[in-house]
Each structure stands twice: as C-alpha cells, then as structure tokens.
Amino acid sequence: TAIEQLEASLRRLKTDHLDLWQIHEVAWDDDPEKHFM
C-alpha cells in the first residue's frame, strides 16, 4: 500500500524521485508496531 501511494505521489508531483519521503501522522498507539511489522 505504501509503495502504491509513493507511485501515485510521483505521478501527481510530476517527478521521478522525491528528496524526502516520510511516514505520515504517527498518532495512534499501535502505529509504531504496525509501521515496523
């Protein structure tokens, strides 16, 4: 899912690379565990 979002972002932003890609909004108690699964 994350990679699919990256590809969509690259298309929308009209570029072949990003300078920085970040995980958005670590705001829920289970987020760290899920992001590192």
Full PDB file with SEQRES, HELIX, SHEET, SSBOND, CRYST1, ORIGX, SCALE, CONECT and MASTER records, all heavy atoms in Angstrom:
SEQRES   1 A   37  THR ALA ILE GLU GLN LEU GLU ALA SER LEU ARG ARG LEU          
SEQRES   2 A   37  LYS THR ASP HIS LEU ASP LEU TRP GLN ILE HIS GLU VAL          
SEQRES   3 A   37  ALA TRP ASP ASP ASP PRO GLU LYS HIS PHE MET                  
HELIX    1 AA1 ALA A    2  ARG A   12  1                                  11    
HELIX    2 AA2 ASP A   31  HIS A   35  1                                   5    
CRYST1    1.000    1.000    1.000  90.00  90.00  90.00 P 1           1          
ORIGX1      1.000000  0.000000  0.000000        0.00000                         
ORIGX2      0.000000  1.000000  0.000000        0.00000                         
ORIGX3      0.000000  0.000000  1.000000        0.00000                         
SCALE1      1.000000  0.000000  0.000000        0.00000                         
SCALE2      0.000000  1.000000  0.000000        0.00000                         
SCALE3      0.000000  0.000000  1.000000        0.00000                         
ATOM      1  N   THR A   1       0.835  -1.211   0.000  1.00  0.00           N  
ATOM      2  CA  THR A   1       0.000   0.000   0.000  1.00  0.00           C  
ATOM      3  C   THR A   1       0.865   1.254   0.000  1.00  0.00           C  
ATOM      4  O   THR A   1       0.594   2.208  -0.734  1.00  0.00           O  
ATOM      5  CB  THR A   1      -0.923   0.008   1.234  1.00  0.00           C  
ATOM      6  OG1 THR A   1      -1.764  -1.140   1.205  1.00  0.00           O  
ATOM      7  CG2 THR A   1      -1.782   1.261   1.269  1.00  0.00           C  
ATOM      8  N   ALA A   2       1.910   1.247   0.808  1.00  0.00           N  
ATOM      9  CA  ALA A   2       2.802   2.404   0.874  1.00  0.00           C  
ATOM     10  C   ALA A   2       3.469   2.658  -0.472  1.00  0.00           C  
ATOM     11  O   ALA A   2       3.542   3.817  -0.934  1.00  0.00           O  
ATOM     12  CB  ALA A   2       3.845   2.189   1.959  1.00  0.00           C  
ATOM     13  N   ILE A   3       3.955   1.620  -1.123  1.00  0.00           N  
ATOM     14  CA  ILE A   3       4.617   1.788  -2.422  1.00  0.00           C  
ATOM     15  C   ILE A   3       3.630   2.282  -3.475  1.00  0.00           C  
ATOM     16  O   ILE A   3       3.972   3.123  -4.329  1.00  0.00           O  
ATOM     17  CB  ILE A   3       5.278   0.469  -2.865  1.00  0.00           C  
ATOM     18  CG1 ILE A   3       6.448   0.114  -1.928  1.00  0.00           C  
ATOM     19  CG2 ILE A   3       5.748   0.561  -4.301  1.00  0.00           C  
ATOM     20  CD1 ILE A   3       7.591   1.105  -1.937  1.00  0.00           C  
ATOM     21  N   GLU A   4       2.408   1.778  -3.435  1.00  0.00           N  
ATOM     22  CA  GLU A   4       1.381   2.263  -4.370  1.00  0.00           C  
ATOM     23  C   GLU A   4       1.133   3.758  -4.160  1.00  0.00           C  
ATOM     24  O   GLU A   4       0.960   4.511  -5.124  1.00  0.00           O  
ATOM     25  CB  GLU A   4       0.086   1.477  -4.174  1.00  0.00           C  
ATOM     26  CG  GLU A   4       0.152   0.047  -4.703  1.00  0.00           C  
ATOM     27  CD  GLU A   4      -1.101  -0.753  -4.382  1.00  0.00           C  
ATOM     28  OE1 GLU A   4      -1.945  -0.259  -3.595  1.00  0.00           O  
ATOM     29  OE2 GLU A   4      -1.234  -1.888  -4.902  1.00  0.00           O  
ATOM     30  N   GLN A   5       1.119   4.179  -2.918  1.00  0.00           N  
ATOM     31  CA  GLN A   5       0.946   5.604  -2.636  1.00  0.00           C  
ATOM     32  C   GLN A   5       2.132   6.416  -3.145  1.00  0.00           C  
ATOM     33  O   GLN A   5       1.971   7.520  -3.682  1.00  0.00           O  
ATOM     34  CB  GLN A   5       0.747   5.820  -1.138  1.00  0.00           C  
ATOM     35  CG  GLN A   5      -0.584   5.296  -0.623  1.00  0.00           C  
ATOM     36  CD  GLN A   5      -0.782   5.567   0.854  1.00  0.00           C  
ATOM     37  OE1 GLN A   5       0.104   6.069   1.545  1.00  0.00           O  
ATOM     38  NE2 GLN A   5      -1.958   5.239   1.355  1.00  0.00           N  
ATOM     39  N   LEU A   6       3.324   5.874  -2.984  1.00  0.00           N  
ATOM     40  CA  LEU A   6       4.514   6.564  -3.495  1.00  0.00           C  
ATOM     41  C   LEU A   6       4.418   6.766  -4.997  1.00  0.00           C  
ATOM     42  O   LEU A   6       4.686   7.866  -5.510  1.00  0.00           O  
ATOM     43  CB  LEU A   6       5.770   5.767  -3.146  1.00  0.00           C  
ATOM     44  CG  LEU A   6       7.080   6.289  -3.763  1.00  0.00           C  
ATOM     45  CD1 LEU A   6       7.384   7.700  -3.301  1.00  0.00           C  
ATOM     46  CD2 LEU A   6       8.235   5.339  -3.416  1.00  0.00           C  
ATOM     47  N   GLU A   7       4.045   5.728  -5.728  1.00  0.00           N  
ATOM     48  CA  GLU A   7       3.939   5.840  -7.178  1.00  0.00           C  
ATOM     49  C   GLU A   7       2.892   6.876  -7.572  1.00  0.00           C  
ATOM     50  O   GLU A   7       3.083   7.645  -8.523  1.00  0.00           O  
ATOM     51  CB  GLU A   7       3.613   4.480  -7.796  1.00  0.00           C  
ATOM     52  CG  GLU A   7       4.700   3.418  -7.604  1.00  0.00           C  
ATOM     53  CD  GLU A   7       6.016   3.797  -8.259  1.00  0.00           C  
ATOM     54  OE1 GLU A   7       6.033   4.637  -9.180  1.00  0.00           O  
ATOM     55  OE2 GLU A   7       7.056   3.239  -7.845  1.00  0.00           O  
ATOM     56  N   ALA A   8       1.776   6.907  -6.833  1.00  0.00           N  
ATOM     57  CA  ALA A   8       0.744   7.907  -7.108  1.00  0.00           C  
ATOM     58  C   ALA A   8       1.278   9.309  -6.843  1.00  0.00           C  
ATOM     59  O   ALA A   8       1.031  10.247  -7.614  1.00  0.00           O  
ATOM     60  CB  ALA A   8      -0.491   7.636  -6.256  1.00  0.00           C  
ATOM     61  N   SER A   9       2.024   9.471  -5.750  1.00  0.00           N  
ATOM     62  CA  SER A   9       2.593  10.783  -5.419  1.00  0.00           C  
ATOM     63  C   SER A   9       3.567  11.252  -6.486  1.00  0.00           C  
ATOM     64  O   SER A   9       3.568  12.425  -6.882  1.00  0.00           O  
ATOM     65  CB  SER A   9       3.290  10.730  -4.057  1.00  0.00           C  
ATOM     66  OG  SER A   9       2.364  10.563  -3.008  1.00  0.00           O  
ATOM     67  N   LEU A  10       4.410  10.340  -6.970  1.00  0.00           N  
ATOM     68  CA  LEU A  10       5.374  10.704  -8.015  1.00  0.00           C  
ATOM     69  C   LEU A  10       4.658  11.170  -9.281  1.00  0.00           C  
ATOM     70  O   LEU A  10       5.072  12.138  -9.927  1.00  0.00           O  
ATOM     71  CB  LEU A  10       6.285   9.523  -8.317  1.00  0.00           C  
ATOM     72  CG  LEU A  10       7.269   9.117  -7.209  1.00  0.00           C  
ATOM     73  CD1 LEU A  10       7.981   7.818  -7.574  1.00  0.00           C  
ATOM     74  CD2 LEU A  10       8.273  10.218  -6.939  1.00  0.00           C  
ATOM     75  N   ARG A  11       3.558  10.484  -9.638  1.00  0.00           N  
ATOM     76  CA  ARG A  11       2.806  10.884 -10.830  1.00  0.00           C  
ATOM     77  C   ARG A  11       2.182  12.260 -10.629  1.00  0.00           C  
ATOM     78  O   ARG A  11       2.265  13.126 -11.519  1.00  0.00           O  
ATOM     79  CB  ARG A  11       1.710   9.859 -11.138  1.00  0.00           C  
ATOM     80  CG  ARG A  11       2.219   8.533 -11.680  1.00  0.00           C  
ATOM     81  CD  ARG A  11       1.077   7.693 -12.248  1.00  0.00           C  
ATOM     82  NE  ARG A  11       0.071   7.361 -11.238  1.00  0.00           N  
ATOM     83  CZ  ARG A  11       0.121   6.284 -10.453  1.00  0.00           C  
ATOM     84  NH1 ARG A  11       1.157   5.451 -10.545  1.00  0.00           N  
ATOM     85  NH2 ARG A  11      -0.836   6.044  -9.591  1.00  0.00           N  
ATOM     86  N   ARG A  12       1.569  12.458  -9.504  1.00  0.00           N  
ATOM     87  CA  ARG A  12       0.914  13.746  -9.246  1.00  0.00           C  
ATOM     88  C   ARG A  12       1.924  14.887  -9.207  1.00  0.00           C  
ATOM     89  O   ARG A  12       1.658  15.983  -9.721  1.00  0.00           O  
ATOM     90  CB  ARG A  12       0.176  13.704  -7.903  1.00  0.00           C  
ATOM     91  CG  ARG A  12      -1.014  12.759  -7.831  1.00  0.00           C  
ATOM     92  CD  ARG A  12      -1.436  12.648  -6.380  1.00  0.00           C  
ATOM     93  NE  ARG A  12      -2.551  11.740  -6.165  1.00  0.00           N  
ATOM     94  CZ  ARG A  12      -2.935  11.319  -4.967  1.00  0.00           C  
ATOM     95  NH1 ARG A  12      -2.273  11.710  -3.882  1.00  0.00           N  
ATOM     96  NH2 ARG A  12      -3.973  10.511  -4.842  1.00  0.00           N  
ATOM     97  N   LEU A  13       3.077  14.631  -8.606  1.00  0.00           N  
ATOM     98  CA  LEU A  13       4.089  15.671  -8.454  1.00  0.00           C  
ATOM     99  C   LEU A  13       4.971  15.826  -9.694  1.00  0.00           C  
ATOM    100  O   LEU A  13       5.874  16.671  -9.715  1.00  0.00           O  
ATOM    101  CB  LEU A  13       4.956  15.367  -7.227  1.00  0.00           C  
ATOM    102  CG  LEU A  13       4.226  15.525  -5.879  1.00  0.00           C  
ATOM    103  CD1 LEU A  13       5.010  14.840  -4.761  1.00  0.00           C  
ATOM    104  CD2 LEU A  13       3.981  16.986  -5.554  1.00  0.00           C  
ATOM    105  N   LYS A  14       4.714  15.001 -10.713  1.00  0.00           N  
ATOM    106  CA  LYS A  14       5.418  15.100 -11.999  1.00  0.00           C  
ATOM    107  C   LYS A  14       6.944  14.999 -11.822  1.00  0.00           C  
ATOM    108  O   LYS A  14       7.711  15.815 -12.360  1.00  0.00           O  
ATOM    109  CB  LYS A  14       5.052  16.398 -12.726  1.00  0.00           C  
ATOM    110  CG  LYS A  14       3.594  16.464 -13.164  1.00  0.00           C  
ATOM    111  CD  LYS A  14       3.301  17.778 -13.886  1.00  0.00           C  
ATOM    112  CE  LYS A  14       1.937  17.771 -14.545  1.00  0.00           C  
ATOM    113  NZ  LYS A  14       0.815  17.590 -13.599  1.00  0.00           N  
ATOM    114  N   THR A  15       7.365  13.976 -11.078  1.00  0.00           N  
ATOM    115  CA  THR A  15       8.798  13.787 -10.849  1.00  0.00           C  
ATOM    116  C   THR A  15       9.113  12.299 -10.796  1.00  0.00           C  
ATOM    117  O   THR A  15       8.207  11.476 -10.602  1.00  0.00           O  
ATOM    118  CB  THR A  15       9.230  14.467  -9.532  1.00  0.00           C  
ATOM    119  OG1 THR A  15      10.645  14.378  -9.385  1.00  0.00           O  
ATOM    120  CG2 THR A  15       8.559  13.816  -8.328  1.00  0.00           C  
ATOM    121  N   ASP A  16      10.387  11.945 -10.984  1.00  0.00           N  
ATOM    122  CA  ASP A  16      10.768  10.536 -10.910  1.00  0.00           C  
ATOM    123  C   ASP A  16      11.387  10.180  -9.556  1.00  0.00           C  
ATOM    124  O   ASP A  16      11.763   9.032  -9.318  1.00  0.00           O  
ATOM    125  CB  ASP A  16      11.727  10.164 -12.041  1.00  0.00           C  
ATOM    126  CG  ASP A  16      13.088  10.846 -11.918  1.00  0.00           C  
ATOM    127  OD1 ASP A  16      13.235  11.760 -11.073  1.00  0.00           O  
ATOM    128  OD2 ASP A  16      14.005  10.468 -12.672  1.00  0.00           O  
ATOM    129  N   HIS A  17      11.507  11.177  -8.667  1.00  0.00           N  
ATOM    130  CA  HIS A  17      12.045  10.894  -7.339  1.00  0.00           C  
ATOM    131  C   HIS A  17      11.627  11.984  -6.358  1.00  0.00           C  
ATOM    132  O   HIS A  17      11.299  13.113  -6.752  1.00  0.00           O  
ATOM    133  CB  HIS A  17      13.573  10.801  -7.368  1.00  0.00           C  
ATOM    134  CG  HIS A  17      14.246  12.135  -7.492  1.00  0.00           C  
ATOM    135  ND1 HIS A  17      14.371  12.808  -8.696  1.00  0.00           N  
ATOM    136  CD2 HIS A  17      14.807  12.941  -6.552  1.00  0.00           C  
ATOM    137  CE1 HIS A  17      14.988  13.960  -8.493  1.00  0.00           C  
ATOM    138  NE2 HIS A  17      15.267  14.063  -7.201  1.00  0.00           N  
ATOM    139  N   LEU A  18      11.634  11.634  -5.104  1.00  0.00           N  
ATOM    140  CA  LEU A  18      11.415  12.595  -4.025  1.00  0.00           C  
ATOM    141  C   LEU A  18      12.740  12.851  -3.318  1.00  0.00           C  
ATOM    142  O   LEU A  18      13.592  11.963  -3.245  1.00  0.00           O  
ATOM    143  CB  LEU A  18      10.425  12.043  -2.997  1.00  0.00           C  
ATOM    144  CG  LEU A  18       9.015  11.708  -3.463  1.00  0.00           C  
ATOM    145  CD1 LEU A  18       8.250  11.033  -2.324  1.00  0.00           C  
ATOM    146  CD2 LEU A  18       8.279  12.958  -3.938  1.00  0.00           C  
ATOM    147  N   ASP A  19      12.888  14.038  -2.780  1.00  0.00           N  
ATOM    148  CA  ASP A  19      14.047  14.302  -1.930  1.00  0.00           C  
ATOM    149  C   ASP A  19      13.824  13.724  -0.537  1.00  0.00           C  
ATOM    150  O   ASP A  19      14.785  13.301   0.120  1.00  0.00           O  
ATOM    151  CB  ASP A  19      14.316  15.804  -1.860  1.00  0.00           C  
ATOM    152  CG  ASP A  19      14.728  16.353  -3.208  1.00  0.00           C  
ATOM    153  OD1 ASP A  19      15.807  15.966  -3.692  1.00  0.00           O  
ATOM    154  OD2 ASP A  19      13.958  17.126  -3.801  1.00  0.00           O  
ATOM    155  N   LEU A  20      12.577  13.692  -0.096  1.00  0.00           N  
ATOM    156  CA  LEU A  20      12.264  13.143   1.227  1.00  0.00           C  
ATOM    157  C   LEU A  20      10.876  12.519   1.199  1.00  0.00           C  
ATOM    158  O   LEU A  20       9.919  13.122   0.707  1.00  0.00           O  
ATOM    159  CB  LEU A  20      12.320  14.260   2.283  1.00  0.00           C  
ATOM    160  CG  LEU A  20      11.880  13.914   3.703  1.00  0.00           C  
ATOM    161  CD1 LEU A  20      12.744  12.812   4.299  1.00  0.00           C  
ATOM    162  CD2 LEU A  20      11.924  15.163   4.583  1.00  0.00           C  
ATOM    163  N   TRP A  21      10.798  11.294   1.724  1.00  0.00           N  
ATOM    164  CA  TRP A  21       9.511  10.594   1.871  1.00  0.00           C  
ATOM    165  C   TRP A  21       9.354  10.213   3.330  1.00  0.00           C  
ATOM    166  O   TRP A  21      10.244   9.584   3.912  1.00  0.00           O  
ATOM    167  CB  TRP A  21       9.498   9.343   0.993  1.00  0.00           C  
ATOM    168  CG  TRP A  21       8.149   8.695   0.835  1.00  0.00           C  
ATOM    169  CD1 TRP A  21       6.935   9.312   0.722  1.00  0.00           C  
ATOM    170  CD2 TRP A  21       7.894   7.282   0.714  1.00  0.00           C  
ATOM    171  NE1 TRP A  21       5.940   8.384   0.550  1.00  0.00           N  
ATOM    172  CE2 TRP A  21       6.500   7.130   0.544  1.00  0.00           C  
ATOM    173  CE3 TRP A  21       8.699   6.142   0.738  1.00  0.00           C  
ATOM    174  CZ2 TRP A  21       5.897   5.880   0.400  1.00  0.00           C  
ATOM    175  CZ3 TRP A  21       8.114   4.899   0.591  1.00  0.00           C  
ATOM    176  CH2 TRP A  21       6.723   4.770   0.419  1.00  0.00           C  
ATOM    177  N   GLN A  22       8.245  10.611   3.937  1.00  0.00           N  
ATOM    178  CA  GLN A  22       8.042  10.380   5.357  1.00  0.00           C  
ATOM    179  C   GLN A  22       6.754   9.596   5.627  1.00  0.00           C  
ATOM    180  O   GLN A  22       5.770   9.769   4.913  1.00  0.00           O  
ATOM    181  CB  GLN A  22       7.974  11.713   6.112  1.00  0.00           C  
ATOM    182  CG  GLN A  22       9.240  12.558   5.999  1.00  0.00           C  
ATOM    183  CD  GLN A  22       9.255  13.710   6.994  1.00  0.00           C  
ATOM    184  OE1 GLN A  22      10.022  13.708   7.939  1.00  0.00           O  
ATOM    185  NE2 GLN A  22       8.406  14.697   6.775  1.00  0.00           N  
ATOM    186  N   ILE A  23       6.768   8.764   6.658  1.00  0.00           N  
ATOM    187  CA  ILE A  23       5.539   8.163   7.160  1.00  0.00           C  
ATOM    188  C   ILE A  23       4.730   9.273   7.816  1.00  0.00           C  
ATOM    189  O   ILE A  23       5.241  10.002   8.662  1.00  0.00           O  
ATOM    190  CB  ILE A  23       5.842   7.048   8.177  1.00  0.00           C  
ATOM    191  CG1 ILE A  23       6.570   5.890   7.502  1.00  0.00           C  
ATOM    192  CG2 ILE A  23       4.558   6.567   8.841  1.00  0.00           C  
ATOM    193  CD1 ILE A  23       7.076   4.840   8.476  1.00  0.00           C  
ATOM    194  N   HIS A  24       3.484   9.374   7.426  1.00  0.00           N  
ATOM    195  CA  HIS A  24       2.642  10.472   7.893  1.00  0.00           C  
ATOM    196  C   HIS A  24       1.919  10.133   9.192  1.00  0.00           C  
ATOM    197  O   HIS A  24       1.420   9.030   9.373  1.00  0.00           O  
ATOM    198  CB  HIS A  24       1.605  10.793   6.808  1.00  0.00           C  
ATOM    199  CG  HIS A  24       0.832  12.045   7.051  1.00  0.00           C  
ATOM    200  ND1 HIS A  24      -0.475  12.204   6.660  1.00  0.00           N  
ATOM    201  CD2 HIS A  24       1.178  13.212   7.641  1.00  0.00           C  
ATOM    202  CE1 HIS A  24      -0.895  13.417   6.979  1.00  0.00           C  
ATOM    203  NE2 HIS A  24       0.086  14.040   7.587  1.00  0.00           N  
ATOM    204  N   GLU A  25       1.899  11.081  10.099  1.00  0.00           N  
ATOM    205  CA  GLU A  25       0.959  11.092  11.219  1.00  0.00           C  
ATOM    206  C   GLU A  25       1.033   9.849  12.097  1.00  0.00           C  
ATOM    207  O   GLU A  25       0.081   9.065  12.192  1.00  0.00           O  
ATOM    208  CB  GLU A  25      -0.467  11.263  10.671  1.00  0.00           C  
ATOM    209  CG  GLU A  25      -1.493  11.773  11.649  1.00  0.00           C  
ATOM    210  CD  GLU A  25      -2.836  11.974  10.973  1.00  0.00           C  
ATOM    211  OE1 GLU A  25      -3.512  10.977  10.679  1.00  0.00           O  
ATOM    212  OE2 GLU A  25      -3.207  13.145  10.728  1.00  0.00           O  
ATOM    213  N   VAL A  26       2.167   9.656  12.749  1.00  0.00           N  
ATOM    214  CA  VAL A  26       2.277   8.610  13.772  1.00  0.00           C  
ATOM    215  C   VAL A  26       1.511   9.134  14.988  1.00  0.00           C  
ATOM    216  O   VAL A  26       2.046   9.874  15.810  1.00  0.00           O  
ATOM    217  CB  VAL A  26       3.745   8.312  14.116  1.00  0.00           C  
ATOM    218  CG1 VAL A  26       3.835   7.271  15.226  1.00  0.00           C  
ATOM    219  CG2 VAL A  26       4.492   7.838  12.870  1.00  0.00           C  
ATOM    220  N   ALA A  27       0.235   8.753  15.071  1.00  0.00           N  
ATOM    221  CA  ALA A  27      -0.656   9.375  16.048  1.00  0.00           C  
ATOM    222  C   ALA A  27      -1.482   8.389  16.856  1.00  0.00           C  
ATOM    223  O   ALA A  27      -2.203   8.789  17.764  1.00  0.00           O  
ATOM    224  CB  ALA A  27      -1.601  10.350  15.330  1.00  0.00           C  
ATOM    225  N   TRP A  28      -1.390   7.113  16.508  1.00  0.00           N  
ATOM    226  CA  TRP A  28      -2.201   6.099  17.173  1.00  0.00           C  
ATOM    227  C   TRP A  28      -1.284   5.163  17.950  1.00  0.00           C  
ATOM    228  O   TRP A  28      -0.154   4.908  17.556  1.00  0.00           O  
ATOM    229  CB  TRP A  28      -3.029   5.324  16.134  1.00  0.00           C  
ATOM    230  CG  TRP A  28      -3.822   6.228  15.250  1.00  0.00           C  
ATOM    231  CD1 TRP A  28      -3.393   6.867  14.112  1.00  0.00           C  
ATOM    232  CD2 TRP A  28      -5.179   6.646  15.439  1.00  0.00           C  
ATOM    233  NE1 TRP A  28      -4.394   7.633  13.574  1.00  0.00           N  
ATOM    234  CE2 TRP A  28      -5.514   7.516  14.369  1.00  0.00           C  
ATOM    235  CE3 TRP A  28      -6.156   6.342  16.388  1.00  0.00           C  
ATOM    236  CZ2 TRP A  28      -6.764   8.090  14.238  1.00  0.00           C  
ATOM    237  CZ3 TRP A  28      -7.410   6.927  16.260  1.00  0.00           C  
ATOM    238  CH2 TRP A  28      -7.706   7.784  15.199  1.00  0.00           C  
ATOM    239  N   ASP A  29      -1.788   4.621  19.071  1.00  0.00           N  
ATOM    240  CA  ASP A  29      -0.950   3.828  19.962  1.00  0.00           C  
ATOM    241  C   ASP A  29      -0.296   2.639  19.276  1.00  0.00           C  
ATOM    242  O   ASP A  29       0.813   2.236  19.645  1.00  0.00           O  
ATOM    243  CB  ASP A  29      -1.778   3.333  21.157  1.00  0.00           C  
ATOM    244  CG  ASP A  29      -2.176   4.464  22.100  1.00  0.00           C  
ATOM    245  OD1 ASP A  29      -1.563   5.549  22.001  1.00  0.00           O  
ATOM    246  OD2 ASP A  29      -3.090   4.262  22.922  1.00  0.00           O  
ATOM    247  N   ASP A  30      -0.968   2.074  18.280  1.00  0.00           N  
ATOM    248  CA  ASP A  30      -0.414   0.895  17.600  1.00  0.00           C  
ATOM    249  C   ASP A  30       0.406   1.243  16.360  1.00  0.00           C  
ATOM    250  O   ASP A  30       0.889   0.347  15.664  1.00  0.00           O  
ATOM    251  CB  ASP A  30      -1.529  -0.082  17.224  1.00  0.00           C  
ATOM    252  CG  ASP A  30      -2.583   0.542  16.301  1.00  0.00           C  
ATOM    253  OD1 ASP A  30      -2.512   1.764  16.036  1.00  0.00           O  
ATOM    254  OD2 ASP A  30      -3.479  -0.198  15.854  1.00  0.00           O  
ATOM    255  N   ASP A  31       0.577   2.527  16.076  1.00  0.00           N  
ATOM    256  CA  ASP A  31       1.298   2.914  14.864  1.00  0.00           C  
ATOM    257  C   ASP A  31       2.742   2.415  14.825  1.00  0.00           C  
ATOM    258  O   ASP A  31       3.162   1.829  13.810  1.00  0.00           O  
ATOM    259  CB  ASP A  31       1.256   4.429  14.678  1.00  0.00           C  
ATOM    260  CG  ASP A  31       0.017   4.903  13.947  1.00  0.00           C  
ATOM    261  OD1 ASP A  31      -0.700   4.053  13.382  1.00  0.00           O  
ATOM    262  OD2 ASP A  31      -0.245   6.122  13.931  1.00  0.00           O  
ATOM    263  N   PRO A  32       3.546   2.648  15.872  1.00  0.00           N  
ATOM    264  CA  PRO A  32       4.940   2.179  15.767  1.00  0.00           C  
ATOM    265  C   PRO A  32       5.043   0.684  15.475  1.00  0.00           C  
ATOM    266  O   PRO A  32       5.830   0.266  14.613  1.00  0.00           O  
ATOM    267  CB  PRO A  32       5.523   2.524  17.140  1.00  0.00           C  
ATOM    268  CG  PRO A  32       4.717   3.706  17.594  1.00  0.00           C  
ATOM    269  CD  PRO A  32       3.322   3.423  17.114  1.00  0.00           C  
ATOM    270  N   GLU A  33       4.256  -0.112  16.181  1.00  0.00           N  
ATOM    271  CA  GLU A  33       4.287  -1.558  15.966  1.00  0.00           C  
ATOM    272  C   GLU A  33       3.890  -1.924  14.541  1.00  0.00           C  
ATOM    273  O   GLU A  33       4.550  -2.754  13.893  1.00  0.00           O  
ATOM    274  CB  GLU A  33       3.331  -2.246  16.946  1.00  0.00           C  
ATOM    275  CG  GLU A  33       3.271  -3.759  16.797  1.00  0.00           C  
ATOM    276  CD  GLU A  33       2.267  -4.403  17.734  1.00  0.00           C  
ATOM    277  OE1 GLU A  33       1.663  -3.679  18.552  1.00  0.00           O  
ATOM    278  OE2 GLU A  33       2.074  -5.632  17.638  1.00  0.00           O  
ATOM    279  N   LYS A  34       2.861  -1.298  14.015  1.00  0.00           N  
ATOM    280  CA  LYS A  34       2.403  -1.619  12.662  1.00  0.00           C  
ATOM    281  C   LYS A  34       3.389  -1.144  11.596  1.00  0.00           C  
ATOM    282  O   LYS A  34       3.593  -1.807  10.588  1.00  0.00           O  
ATOM    283  CB  LYS A  34       1.018  -1.021  12.430  1.00  0.00           C  
ATOM    284  CG  LYS A  34      -0.086  -1.751  13.188  1.00  0.00           C  
ATOM    285  CD  LYS A  34      -1.452  -1.224  12.811  1.00  0.00           C  
ATOM    286  CE  LYS A  34      -2.560  -2.052  13.458  1.00  0.00           C  
ATOM    287  NZ  LYS A  34      -3.908  -1.568  13.093  1.00  0.00           N  
ATOM    288  N   HIS A  35       3.981   0.018  11.800  1.00  0.00           N  
ATOM    289  CA  HIS A  35       4.930   0.518  10.809  1.00  0.00           C  
ATOM    290  C   HIS A  35       6.176  -0.358  10.740  1.00  0.00           C  
ATOM    291  O   HIS A  35       6.780  -0.493   9.666  1.00  0.00           O  
ATOM    292  CB  HIS A  35       5.317   1.964  11.123  1.00  0.00           C  
ATOM    293  CG  HIS A  35       4.206   2.949  10.912  1.00  0.00           C  
ATOM    294  ND1 HIS A  35       3.358   2.887   9.832  1.00  0.00           N  
ATOM    295  CD2 HIS A  35       3.805   4.025  11.648  1.00  0.00           C  
ATOM    296  CE1 HIS A  35       2.481   3.879   9.908  1.00  0.00           C  
ATOM    297  NE2 HIS A  35       2.730   4.569  11.001  1.00  0.00           N  
ATOM    298  N   PHE A  36       6.565  -0.966  11.870  1.00  0.00           N  
ATOM    299  CA  PHE A  36       7.762  -1.797  11.906  1.00  0.00           C  
ATOM    300  C   PHE A  36       7.476  -3.283  11.741  1.00  0.00           C  
ATOM    301  O   PHE A  36       8.384  -4.106  11.833  1.00  0.00           O  
ATOM    302  CB  PHE A  36       8.538  -1.559  13.210  1.00  0.00           C  
ATOM    303  CG  PHE A  36       9.457  -0.370  13.144  1.00  0.00           C  
ATOM    304  CD1 PHE A  36       9.041   0.873  13.602  1.00  0.00           C  
ATOM    305  CD2 PHE A  36      10.728  -0.485  12.608  1.00  0.00           C  
ATOM    306  CE1 PHE A  36       9.885   1.975  13.546  1.00  0.00           C  
ATOM    307  CE2 PHE A  36      11.584   0.607  12.538  1.00  0.00           C  
ATOM    308  CZ  PHE A  36      11.157   1.843  13.012  1.00  0.00           C  
ATOM    309  N   MET A  37       6.226  -3.639  11.481  1.00  0.00           N  
ATOM    310  CA  MET A  37       5.914  -5.057  11.294  1.00  0.00           C  
ATOM    311  C   MET A  37       6.530  -5.552   9.981  1.00  0.00           C  
ATOM    312  O   MET A  37       6.944  -4.756   9.124  1.00  0.00           O  
ATOM    313  CB  MET A  37       4.395  -5.270  11.256  1.00  0.00           C  
ATOM    314  CG  MET A  37       3.716  -4.708  10.026  1.00  0.00           C  
ATOM    315  SD  MET A  37       1.909  -4.946  10.073  1.00  0.00           S  
ATOM    316  CE  MET A  37       1.425  -4.171   8.509  1.00  0.00           C  
TER     317      MET A  37                                                      
MASTER        0    0    0    2    0    0    0    6  316    1    0    3          
END                                                                             
